[in-house]
Protein backbone atom coordinates (compact mmCIF):
# COMPACT_ATOMS: atom_id res chain seq x y z
CA UNK A 1 -53.87 -95.96 12.56
CA UNK A 2 -53.26 -93.12 10.06
CA UNK A 3 -54.96 -93.39 6.60
CA UNK A 4 -52.79 -93.24 3.59
CA UNK A 5 -53.51 -93.14 -0.14
CA UNK A 6 -51.93 -94.59 -3.18
CA UNK A 7 -52.91 -94.82 -6.86
CA UNK A 8 -53.16 -97.98 -9.02
CA UNK A 9 -50.97 -97.63 -12.09
CA UNK A 10 -51.94 -98.67 -15.57
CA UNK A 11 -50.06 -101.90 -14.90
CA UNK A 12 -52.09 -102.57 -11.82
CA UNK A 13 -49.23 -101.67 -9.50
CA UNK A 14 -49.59 -99.87 -6.19
CA UNK A 15 -46.76 -98.15 -4.32
CA UNK A 16 -46.97 -98.73 -0.51
CA UNK A 17 -46.03 -95.57 1.40
CA UNK A 18 -42.58 -95.70 2.88
CA UNK A 19 -43.75 -95.10 6.46
CA UNK A 20 -46.16 -98.04 6.21
CA UNK A 21 -43.49 -100.37 4.74
CA UNK A 22 -41.05 -99.38 7.50
CA UNK A 23 -43.59 -99.88 10.28
CA UNK A 24 -44.51 -103.32 8.93
CA UNK A 25 -40.96 -104.33 8.22
CA UNK A 26 -41.80 -104.99 4.48
CA UNK A 27 -38.75 -104.58 2.27
CA UNK A 28 -38.24 -104.91 -1.57
CA UNK A 29 -38.83 -108.49 -2.55
CA UNK A 30 -41.34 -109.21 0.24
CA UNK A 31 -44.03 -111.55 -1.18
CA UNK A 32 -47.55 -110.68 -0.16
CA UNK A 33 -50.80 -112.61 -0.22
CA UNK A 34 -54.12 -110.87 -0.51
CA UNK A 35 -57.52 -111.76 0.92
CA UNK A 36 -60.85 -110.05 0.11
CA UNK A 37 -63.01 -109.18 3.03
CA UNK A 38 -66.13 -107.51 1.62
CA UNK A 39 -64.91 -104.26 0.01
CA UNK A 40 -61.60 -104.47 1.87
CA UNK A 41 -58.40 -105.96 0.71
CA UNK A 42 -56.14 -107.48 3.32
CA UNK A 43 -52.41 -107.89 2.55
CA UNK A 44 -50.00 -109.94 4.59
CA UNK A 45 -46.57 -111.45 4.04
CA UNK A 46 -46.92 -114.86 2.23
CA UNK A 47 -46.05 -117.93 4.18
CA UNK A 48 -43.75 -120.11 2.13
CA UNK A 49 -43.08 -123.55 3.51
CA UNK A 50 -39.97 -124.05 1.29
CA UNK A 51 -38.37 -120.85 2.52
CA UNK A 52 -39.21 -121.73 6.20
CA UNK A 53 -37.55 -125.12 5.68
CA UNK A 54 -34.43 -123.62 4.36
CA UNK A 55 -33.78 -121.40 7.40
CA UNK A 56 -34.97 -123.67 10.24
CA UNK A 57 -33.13 -126.91 10.36
CA UNK A 58 -35.75 -128.77 12.54
CA UNK A 59 -38.49 -127.83 10.03
CA UNK A 60 -36.86 -129.78 7.22
CA UNK A 61 -39.40 -132.55 7.89
CA UNK A 62 -42.29 -130.22 8.40
CA UNK A 63 -45.56 -131.72 7.15
CA UNK A 64 -48.66 -129.53 7.68
CA UNK A 65 -50.88 -132.62 8.15
CA UNK A 66 -48.80 -133.98 11.01
CA UNK A 67 -49.20 -133.37 14.76
CA UNK A 68 -46.30 -132.02 16.73
CA UNK A 69 -46.01 -135.46 18.49
CA UNK A 70 -45.77 -137.24 15.06
CA UNK A 71 -43.08 -134.78 13.87
CA UNK A 72 -41.06 -135.25 17.11
CA UNK A 73 -41.31 -139.07 16.87
CA UNK A 74 -40.08 -138.90 13.30
CA UNK A 75 -37.24 -136.62 14.02
CA UNK A 76 -36.11 -138.60 17.11
CA UNK A 77 -36.57 -141.99 15.40
CA UNK A 78 -38.51 -143.36 18.37
CA UNK A 79 -41.42 -142.48 20.63
CA UNK A 80 -40.39 -141.17 23.98
CA UNK A 81 -42.52 -142.47 26.84
CA UNK A 82 -43.70 -139.94 29.39
CA UNK A 83 -41.48 -139.71 32.52
């Protein structure tokens, strides 16, 4: 992995190098979330449940607290017995 540098602007903004954005597939408008790990900052695309639901029909009823079995029962309307 090649090291790259960027400068923080007076507004707290950082420009990510084009080669890095291209390699990661990050485009203008990509929302990122940040985690501190010691002196390091980890950036990753933000996971947005609402956006996921809008593009995946079966995820319209997604509930993070439910098991896959519970979600399938709800989407089918009945519990399927094992064959």
